[in-house]
């Protein structure tokens, strides 16, 4: 449980470097496992989700050691994976489960992927169906959810897949399977999802076919990478500074990938005082330092469906910001939020209503009417992003906000409370 008390809110001042990007960390570990030779990764996120991926890669044969502020990973090559001695527990990580499913579907051994109660409720047909078109053999639980029981098929065939949804996890799963398949594998999406896999494959020596494709038999080689700070983690501090009078924060080394920078565009559209300094690249990933200062009450915006893929993980905290903005913020095209770690649309709606916010819920979004935020007790429903979003909104509430269901914050941001209090936030656990 977290108590965020702010009857007299403190200005948030100073600077910090948010933790490493979770999506990139998962990929760096999996790609390093499949690579021939040594990879050196700096800035890898230390969280429960990423640790689950690291443990799975160790069970598949990768060795890892910490050395001078970086992780040194010895890969086994794409044909060197060893059969795990039991089910691979992916904890709360849908990314790890879906990406590894693509790899394991092509191995000459059987395997099983499972997770915690939340992960084992999430939809997997979105990867099982296209993998089956490639010749994979995967059984799910009733309803198409985990655990995934995979009968390895080392003779997969490449496909040209038109995905019905914009999903980086689906896309990455198929590209990884495509590394083992005969011929070419390509993926097309209705909207562009995050492209970390497409940027990372060339860093490991695998050329892309077109914008989003691979050729079977391509081999990964060990490399060195710097993981940017996670823009999704930075988003909580960007919103907190925009909410609390007098705030002035500098967030360093934040990832600014063009498929992940929707939060910057939305904040600018709402009238935030946000500037980006020292734009540069860590490998293929754009990064920069973000300064955000309180600029008064922000304005409501309409968030269109084509913007959603670039800020899907930031939407809970954007909805929290909308609750305090002037006017009604409208979000559409976000039905994907209903099948995350929780039904995030429902969880955010119920919590905001508890705090006195007027809203209307739709199958794919919310209308949120901004106004004063009262105190109260809200439930994060075991969803790390919802829980942190309510905690951030609590910094600008008229009375204490108590947030329960916070137990999974460590899956993505173990240092959240320490970082928020370090810049002046009022948080009690």
Protein backbone atom coordinates (compact mmCIF):
# COMPACT_ATOMS: atom_id res chain seq x y z
CA UNK A 1 0.00 0.00 0.00
CA UNK A 2 1.19 3.55 -0.75
CA UNK A 3 -0.13 6.73 0.88
CA UNK A 4 0.42 9.86 -1.19
CA UNK A 5 -0.39 12.87 0.97
CA UNK A 6 -0.41 16.37 -0.50
CA UNK A 7 -2.74 18.76 1.31
CA UNK A 8 0.13 21.26 0.91
CA UNK A 9 1.94 19.89 -2.16
CA UNK A 10 5.70 20.23 -2.42
CA UNK A 11 7.24 21.52 -5.63
CA UNK A 12 9.15 18.73 -7.38
CA UNK A 13 12.69 19.95 -7.98
CA UNK A 14 15.99 18.49 -9.14
CA UNK A 15 17.08 15.88 -11.62
CA UNK A 16 17.16 12.12 -11.94
CA UNK A 17 17.86 9.39 -14.45
CA UNK A 18 14.89 7.02 -14.71
CA UNK A 19 15.63 3.28 -14.83
CA UNK A 20 16.50 1.49 -18.06
CA UNK A 21 13.86 0.89 -20.68
CA UNK A 22 11.93 -2.30 -19.93
CA UNK A 23 11.06 -3.15 -23.54
CA UNK A 24 14.64 -2.70 -24.70
CA UNK A 25 16.02 -4.62 -21.70
CA UNK A 26 13.88 -7.67 -22.51
CA UNK A 27 15.09 -7.64 -26.10
CA UNK A 28 18.73 -7.08 -25.17
CA UNK A 29 18.68 -10.19 -22.99
CA UNK A 30 16.89 -12.43 -25.49
CA UNK A 31 19.01 -11.29 -28.43
CA UNK A 32 22.20 -11.71 -26.39
CA UNK A 33 21.12 -15.25 -25.50
CA UNK A 34 20.65 -16.09 -29.19
CA UNK A 35 23.86 -14.38 -30.30
CA UNK A 36 27.16 -16.09 -30.91
CA UNK A 37 29.77 -14.54 -28.64
CA UNK A 38 29.81 -11.92 -25.90
CA UNK A 39 27.43 -8.99 -25.47
CA UNK A 40 27.96 -6.12 -23.06
CA UNK A 41 24.84 -4.27 -21.94
CA UNK A 42 24.84 -1.07 -19.87
CA UNK A 43 21.74 0.41 -18.25
CA UNK A 44 19.79 -2.86 -18.13
CA UNK A 45 16.66 -2.46 -16.02
CA UNK A 46 16.82 -4.24 -12.67
CA UNK A 47 13.17 -5.22 -12.10
CA UNK A 48 11.11 -8.33 -11.50
CA UNK A 49 9.95 -8.50 -15.13
CA UNK A 50 13.44 -8.21 -16.59
CA UNK A 51 14.88 -10.58 -14.00
CA UNK A 52 12.31 -13.18 -15.12
CA UNK A 53 13.60 -12.83 -18.68
CA UNK A 54 17.20 -13.12 -17.51
CA UNK A 55 16.39 -16.26 -15.53
CA UNK A 56 14.68 -17.83 -18.54
CA UNK A 57 17.68 -17.06 -20.74
CA UNK A 58 19.97 -18.67 -18.15
CA UNK A 59 17.80 -21.79 -18.19
CA UNK A 60 18.22 -21.84 -21.97
CA UNK A 61 22.02 -21.73 -21.64
CA UNK A 62 23.10 -18.09 -21.47
CA UNK A 63 25.61 -17.09 -18.82
CA UNK A 64 25.65 -13.62 -17.27
CA UNK A 65 27.85 -11.67 -14.91
CA UNK A 66 28.04 -8.08 -13.69
CA UNK A 67 31.30 -6.31 -14.49
CA UNK A 68 32.10 -2.64 -14.00
CA UNK A 69 28.57 -1.30 -14.27
CA UNK A 70 27.55 -3.45 -17.22
CA UNK A 71 26.22 -6.95 -17.81
CA UNK A 72 28.44 -9.35 -19.71
CA UNK A 73 26.32 -11.97 -21.46
CA UNK A 74 27.67 -15.06 -23.17
CA UNK A 75 25.27 -16.21 -25.86
CA UNK A 76 24.82 -19.74 -27.15
CA UNK A 77 24.06 -18.99 -30.80
CA UNK A 78 20.68 -19.46 -32.44
CA UNK A 79 21.09 -23.27 -32.59
CA UNK A 80 22.72 -23.67 -29.18
CA UNK A 81 19.74 -23.33 -26.85
CA UNK A 82 19.43 -26.09 -24.31
CA UNK A 83 16.13 -27.64 -23.20
CA UNK A 84 14.96 -26.06 -19.93
CA UNK A 85 14.61 -28.37 -16.96
CA UNK A 86 11.04 -27.21 -16.28
CA UNK A 87 8.46 -24.53 -17.17
CA UNK A 88 9.90 -21.06 -17.80
CA UNK A 89 8.22 -18.66 -15.36
CA UNK A 90 7.86 -15.24 -16.99
CA UNK A 91 6.33 -13.64 -13.91
CA UNK A 92 4.24 -10.64 -14.99
CA UNK A 93 5.95 -10.08 -18.35
CA UNK A 94 3.81 -10.43 -21.45
CA UNK A 95 6.69 -9.11 -23.56
CA UNK A 96 9.05 -11.87 -22.45
CA UNK A 97 6.44 -14.59 -22.90
CA UNK A 98 5.41 -13.53 -26.39
CA UNK A 99 8.95 -12.97 -27.66
CA UNK A 100 10.31 -16.21 -26.26
CA UNK A 101 7.34 -18.10 -27.70
CA UNK A 102 8.59 -17.16 -31.16
CA UNK A 103 12.06 -18.48 -30.35
CA UNK A 104 10.95 -21.68 -28.63
CA UNK A 105 8.44 -22.59 -31.34
CA UNK A 106 11.43 -23.26 -33.65
CA UNK A 107 13.57 -25.37 -31.31
CA UNK A 108 14.16 -29.15 -31.51
CA UNK A 109 12.75 -29.60 -27.99
CA UNK A 110 9.49 -29.01 -26.14
CA UNK A 111 8.98 -26.25 -23.59
CA UNK A 112 6.38 -24.48 -21.50
CA UNK A 113 5.91 -20.79 -20.71
CA UNK A 114 3.88 -19.71 -17.70
CA UNK A 115 3.52 -16.67 -15.46
CA UNK A 116 1.73 -15.16 -12.51
CA UNK A 117 -2.06 -14.92 -12.18
CA UNK A 118 -2.20 -11.66 -14.15
CA UNK A 119 -0.06 -12.90 -17.04
CA UNK A 120 -1.98 -16.17 -17.20
CA UNK A 121 -5.15 -14.19 -17.98
CA UNK A 122 -3.73 -12.33 -20.97
CA UNK A 123 -4.54 -13.18 -24.60
CA UNK A 124 -2.04 -15.32 -26.51
CA UNK A 125 -4.08 -16.24 -29.59
CA UNK A 126 -2.62 -13.14 -31.23
CA UNK A 127 0.75 -14.91 -31.42
CA UNK A 128 -0.40 -18.54 -31.53
CA UNK A 129 -2.45 -18.01 -34.70
CA UNK A 130 0.35 -16.57 -36.89
CA UNK A 131 2.96 -18.92 -35.41
CA UNK A 132 0.68 -21.80 -36.40
CA UNK A 133 0.70 -20.47 -39.96
CA UNK A 134 4.49 -20.88 -39.82
CA UNK A 135 4.09 -24.50 -38.73
CA UNK A 136 4.39 -24.07 -34.96
CA UNK A 137 2.54 -26.31 -32.52
CA UNK A 138 1.39 -24.48 -29.37
CA UNK A 139 -1.32 -25.39 -26.89
CA UNK A 140 -2.91 -22.80 -24.60
CA UNK A 141 -5.25 -22.96 -21.66
CA UNK A 142 -8.97 -22.52 -22.25
CA UNK A 143 -9.67 -19.14 -23.78
CA UNK A 144 -6.28 -18.87 -25.46
CA UNK A 145 -4.38 -17.84 -22.33
CA UNK A 146 -1.15 -19.17 -20.77
CA UNK A 147 0.46 -21.46 -19.95
CA UNK A 148 1.83 -22.07 -23.43
CA UNK A 149 2.87 -25.66 -24.10
CA UNK A 150 5.17 -25.60 -27.11
CA UNK A 151 6.08 -28.66 -29.16
CA UNK A 152 9.27 -27.54 -30.88
CA UNK A 153 9.25 -27.54 -34.69
CA UNK A 154 12.67 -26.69 -36.19
CA UNK A 155 11.21 -26.65 -39.73
CA UNK A 156 9.12 -23.46 -39.59
CA UNK A 157 8.35 -21.63 -42.83
CA UNK A 158 8.43 -17.89 -43.36
CA UNK A 159 5.21 -15.95 -43.90
CA UNK A 160 4.09 -12.47 -44.92
CA UNK A 161 1.73 -11.58 -42.10
CA UNK A 162 -0.80 -8.76 -42.01
CA UNK A 163 -1.45 -8.23 -38.31
CA UNK A 164 -4.98 -7.15 -37.37
CA UNK A 165 -3.54 -5.14 -34.45
CA UNK A 166 -0.60 -2.85 -33.93
CA UNK A 167 1.50 -4.85 -31.46
CA UNK A 168 5.26 -4.75 -31.06
CA UNK A 169 5.06 -8.00 -29.13
CA UNK A 170 3.30 -9.84 -31.97
CA UNK A 171 5.66 -8.35 -34.52
CA UNK A 172 8.77 -9.20 -32.52
CA UNK A 173 7.57 -12.74 -31.82
CA UNK A 174 7.19 -13.43 -35.54
CA UNK A 175 10.49 -11.83 -36.49
CA UNK A 176 12.31 -13.98 -33.93
CA UNK A 177 10.57 -17.09 -35.23
CA UNK A 178 11.45 -15.92 -38.73
CA UNK A 179 15.17 -16.10 -37.92
CA UNK A 180 14.74 -19.90 -37.80
CA UNK A 181 12.21 -20.28 -40.63
CA UNK A 182 12.73 -21.14 -44.28
CA UNK A 183 12.58 -18.09 -46.52
CA UNK A 184 11.44 -14.63 -45.56
CA UNK A 185 9.14 -13.46 -42.77
CA UNK A 186 7.57 -10.00 -42.88
CA UNK A 187 4.97 -8.25 -40.75
CA UNK A 188 2.58 -5.46 -41.70
CA UNK A 189 0.51 -3.55 -39.13
CA UNK A 190 -2.55 -1.28 -39.36
CA UNK A 191 -0.66 1.33 -37.33
CA UNK A 192 3.04 1.48 -36.57
CA UNK A 193 3.95 -0.04 -33.19
CA UNK A 194 7.20 0.47 -31.31
CA UNK A 195 10.22 -0.54 -33.37
CA UNK A 196 12.86 -1.56 -30.81
CA UNK A 197 13.25 -4.99 -32.41
CA UNK A 198 13.81 -3.51 -35.86
CA UNK A 199 16.47 -1.18 -34.45
CA UNK A 200 18.18 -3.85 -32.36
CA UNK A 201 18.44 -6.63 -34.95
CA UNK A 202 21.00 -4.72 -37.08
CA UNK A 203 22.99 -3.97 -33.91
CA UNK A 204 23.34 -7.76 -33.52
CA UNK A 205 24.32 -8.13 -37.17
CA UNK A 206 20.97 -9.13 -38.68
CA UNK A 207 19.91 -7.06 -41.70
CA UNK A 208 16.23 -6.23 -42.10
CA UNK A 209 14.25 -7.16 -45.19
CA UNK A 210 12.34 -4.00 -46.09
CA UNK A 211 10.90 -2.10 -43.13
CA UNK A 212 9.94 -5.12 -41.05
CA UNK A 213 11.22 -8.49 -42.20
CA UNK A 214 14.01 -11.03 -41.74
CA UNK A 215 15.49 -13.88 -43.73
CA UNK A 216 15.65 -17.31 -42.16
CA UNK A 217 19.13 -18.44 -41.21
CA UNK A 218 20.33 -14.93 -40.28
CA UNK A 219 22.73 -15.16 -37.37
CA UNK A 220 23.12 -12.84 -34.42
CA UNK A 221 26.56 -11.80 -33.17
CA UNK A 222 27.43 -10.43 -29.76
CA UNK A 223 27.52 -6.64 -29.44
CA UNK A 224 27.65 -3.74 -26.96
CA UNK A 225 24.55 -1.70 -26.11
CA UNK A 226 23.52 1.17 -23.85
CA UNK A 227 19.87 0.94 -22.75
CA UNK A 228 18.15 4.36 -22.62
CA UNK A 229 16.14 5.43 -19.59
CA UNK A 230 12.56 4.24 -19.92
CA UNK A 231 10.22 6.89 -21.32
CA UNK A 232 7.30 5.11 -19.65
CA UNK A 233 8.97 5.52 -16.25
CA UNK A 234 9.96 9.11 -17.04
CA UNK A 235 6.30 9.82 -17.89
CA UNK A 236 5.28 9.64 -14.21
CA UNK A 237 7.70 12.46 -13.37
CA UNK A 238 6.78 14.49 -16.44
CA UNK A 239 3.14 14.39 -15.36
CA UNK A 240 3.95 15.03 -11.69
CA UNK A 241 5.91 18.17 -12.59
CA UNK A 242 3.06 19.32 -14.83
CA UNK A 243 0.59 18.89 -11.94
CA UNK A 244 2.40 20.41 -8.95
CA UNK A 245 2.93 24.20 -8.77
CA UNK A 246 6.55 25.38 -8.76
CA UNK A 247 7.96 22.12 -10.08
CA UNK A 248 11.08 22.01 -12.27
CA UNK A 249 12.55 18.59 -13.14
CA UNK A 250 15.35 17.45 -15.43
CA UNK A 251 15.13 13.81 -16.57
CA UNK A 252 18.34 12.50 -18.12
CA UNK A 253 19.04 9.95 -20.88
CA UNK A 254 15.34 9.41 -21.67
CA UNK A 255 14.48 7.32 -24.71
CA UNK A 256 12.87 9.38 -27.48
CA UNK A 257 12.15 6.64 -29.97
CA UNK A 258 9.75 8.04 -32.56
CA UNK A 259 7.35 5.14 -31.94
CA UNK A 260 7.34 5.85 -28.18
CA UNK A 261 7.30 9.66 -27.90
CA UNK A 262 3.54 10.19 -27.88
CA UNK A 263 3.68 11.44 -24.27
CA UNK A 264 5.84 14.38 -25.40
CA UNK A 265 3.36 15.34 -28.13
CA UNK A 266 0.37 15.07 -25.79
CA UNK A 267 2.02 17.19 -23.08
CA UNK A 268 2.98 19.83 -25.62
CA UNK A 269 -0.57 19.87 -26.97
CA UNK A 270 -1.88 20.37 -23.43
CA UNK A 271 0.38 23.40 -22.95
CA UNK A 272 3.16 21.94 -20.82
CA UNK A 273 6.51 23.73 -20.48
CA UNK A 274 8.67 20.91 -21.86
CA UNK A 275 12.03 21.17 -23.57
CA UNK A 276 14.44 18.51 -24.83
CA UNK A 277 18.19 18.99 -24.58
CA UNK A 278 21.21 17.19 -25.98
CA UNK A 279 19.49 14.91 -28.46
CA UNK A 280 21.73 11.96 -29.31
CA UNK A 281 21.65 8.21 -29.91
CA UNK A 282 22.44 5.14 -27.87
CA UNK A 283 23.06 2.74 -30.73
CA UNK A 284 20.03 3.14 -32.94
CA UNK A 285 17.81 4.57 -30.18
CA UNK A 286 17.17 8.31 -29.91
CA UNK A 287 17.66 9.77 -26.42
CA UNK A 288 17.70 13.18 -24.81
CA UNK A 289 17.39 15.08 -21.53
CA UNK A 290 13.86 16.33 -20.78
CA UNK A 291 13.21 19.43 -18.68
CA UNK A 292 9.63 20.00 -17.58
CA UNK A 293 8.37 22.89 -15.47
CA UNK A 294 4.97 23.64 -14.01
CA UNK A 295 3.07 25.92 -16.42
CA UNK A 296 -0.29 26.29 -14.70
CA UNK A 297 -3.35 24.20 -15.31
CA UNK A 298 -3.06 22.34 -18.61
CA UNK A 299 -5.73 22.11 -21.33
CA UNK A 300 -7.72 19.03 -22.25
CA UNK A 301 -7.00 17.30 -25.57
CA UNK A 302 -8.51 14.69 -27.86
CA UNK A 303 -6.25 11.64 -28.19
CA UNK A 304 -6.94 10.04 -31.56
CA UNK A 305 -6.65 6.29 -32.25
CA UNK A 306 -3.61 6.75 -34.49
CA UNK A 307 -1.70 8.29 -31.56
CA UNK A 308 -2.43 5.41 -29.16
CA UNK A 309 0.35 2.95 -30.19
CA UNK A 310 3.03 5.55 -29.42
CA UNK A 311 1.82 6.05 -25.84
CA UNK A 312 0.00 2.85 -24.93
CA UNK A 313 1.97 2.38 -21.67
CA UNK A 314 1.68 6.05 -20.72
CA UNK A 315 -2.11 6.28 -21.07
CA UNK A 316 -2.89 5.56 -17.40
CA UNK A 317 -0.80 8.51 -16.20
CA UNK A 318 -2.12 10.69 -19.04
CA UNK A 319 -5.65 9.91 -17.82
CA UNK A 320 -4.52 10.98 -14.34
CA UNK A 321 -3.26 14.27 -15.78
CA UNK A 322 -6.51 14.72 -17.71
CA UNK A 323 -8.40 14.54 -14.41
CA UNK A 324 -6.81 17.85 -13.38
CA UNK A 325 -6.82 19.58 -16.78
CA UNK A 326 -9.19 22.29 -17.95
CA UNK A 327 -11.95 20.79 -20.11
CA UNK A 328 -12.73 17.24 -21.20
CA UNK A 329 -10.03 14.94 -22.53
CA UNK A 330 -11.28 12.30 -24.96
CA UNK A 331 -9.44 9.04 -25.58
CA UNK A 332 -10.45 6.58 -28.30
CA UNK A 333 -8.90 3.53 -29.96
CA UNK A 334 -7.44 2.22 -26.71
CA UNK A 335 -9.29 -1.09 -26.30
CA UNK A 336 -5.88 -2.75 -25.92
CA UNK A 337 -5.74 -1.30 -22.41
CA UNK A 338 -8.41 -3.78 -21.36
CA UNK A 339 -6.05 -6.75 -21.81
CA UNK A 340 -2.94 -5.45 -20.09
CA UNK A 341 -1.90 -6.37 -16.53
CA UNK A 342 -5.43 -5.28 -15.64
CA UNK A 343 -8.35 -3.76 -17.51
CA UNK A 344 -6.62 -0.40 -17.31
CA UNK A 345 -9.56 1.60 -18.66
CA UNK A 346 -11.83 0.22 -15.95
CA UNK A 347 -9.24 0.49 -13.16
CA UNK A 348 -8.44 4.12 -14.00
CA UNK A 349 -12.13 4.99 -14.40
CA UNK A 350 -13.12 3.56 -11.01
CA UNK A 351 -10.19 5.19 -9.25
CA UNK A 352 -10.76 8.60 -10.82
CA UNK A 353 -14.46 8.48 -9.93
CA UNK A 354 -13.49 7.75 -6.32
CA UNK A 355 -11.38 10.93 -6.38
CA UNK A 356 -14.35 13.02 -7.53
CA UNK A 357 -13.65 13.03 -11.28
CA UNK A 358 -16.55 13.03 -13.75
CA UNK A 359 -16.06 10.70 -16.71
CA UNK A 360 -17.74 8.50 -19.26
CA UNK A 361 -16.40 5.07 -20.17
CA UNK A 362 -16.48 3.54 -23.66
CA UNK A 363 -15.32 0.14 -24.93
CA UNK A 364 -12.16 1.73 -26.34
CA UNK A 365 -11.62 4.81 -24.22
CA UNK A 366 -12.75 7.43 -21.73
CA UNK A 367 -14.00 11.00 -21.63
CA UNK A 368 -12.45 12.63 -18.55
CA UNK A 369 -13.72 15.99 -17.30
CA UNK A 370 -10.97 17.80 -15.44
CA UNK A 371 -11.59 19.38 -12.07
CA UNK A 372 -10.46 19.43 -8.45
CA UNK A 373 -9.07 16.14 -7.15
CA UNK A 374 -10.43 15.06 -3.79
CA UNK A 375 -8.80 12.55 -1.49
CA UNK A 376 -9.83 8.97 -1.01
CA UNK A 377 -8.82 5.34 -1.27
CA UNK A 378 -8.26 3.87 -4.74
CA UNK A 379 -7.27 0.42 -5.94
CA UNK A 380 -4.38 -0.06 -8.36
CA UNK A 381 -5.65 -3.62 -8.94
CA UNK A 382 -2.14 -5.07 -8.87
CA UNK A 383 -1.26 -3.09 -12.00
CA UNK A 384 2.04 -1.24 -11.65
CA UNK A 385 1.20 1.56 -14.08
CA UNK A 386 -2.24 2.28 -12.63
CA UNK A 387 -0.89 2.28 -9.07
CA UNK A 388 1.93 4.71 -9.91
CA UNK A 389 -0.49 6.92 -11.85
CA UNK A 390 -2.78 7.29 -8.83
CA UNK A 391 0.24 8.02 -6.65
CA UNK A 392 1.31 10.80 -9.03
CA UNK A 393 -2.19 12.28 -9.13
CA UNK A 394 -2.18 12.20 -5.34
CA UNK A 395 0.61 14.78 -5.35
CA UNK A 396 -1.93 17.36 -6.54
CA UNK A 397 -5.01 16.23 -4.60
CA UNK A 398 -6.84 18.29 -2.00
CA UNK A 399 -6.47 15.57 0.64
CA UNK A 400 -4.64 12.31 1.20
CA UNK A 401 -4.91 9.62 -1.46
CA UNK A 402 -4.39 6.03 -0.34
CA UNK A 403 -3.46 3.58 -3.10
CA UNK A 404 -3.83 -0.16 -2.56
CA UNK A 405 -2.94 -2.89 -5.06
CA UNK A 406 0.63 -1.60 -5.45
CA UNK A 407 2.43 -4.91 -5.06
CA UNK A 408 3.54 -5.12 -8.70
CA UNK A 409 5.32 -1.77 -8.95
CA UNK A 410 8.59 -3.67 -8.65
CA UNK A 411 7.89 -5.40 -11.98
CA UNK A 412 8.90 -2.22 -13.81
CA UNK A 413 10.12 0.44 -11.35
CA UNK A 414 11.45 -0.83 -8.00
CA UNK A 415 12.87 2.60 -7.14
CA UNK A 416 9.72 4.59 -7.87
CA UNK A 417 8.96 5.67 -4.30
CA UNK A 418 12.60 6.52 -3.56
CA UNK A 419 12.91 8.56 -6.78
CA UNK A 420 9.66 10.45 -6.19
CA UNK A 421 10.57 11.37 -2.63
CA UNK A 422 14.10 12.35 -3.73
CA UNK A 423 12.67 15.21 -5.82
CA UNK A 424 10.17 16.35 -3.18
CA UNK A 425 7.20 14.07 -3.63
CA UNK A 426 5.19 13.14 -0.54
CA UNK A 427 4.86 9.35 -0.37
CA UNK A 428 4.49 7.08 2.63
CA UNK A 429 4.51 3.31 2.47
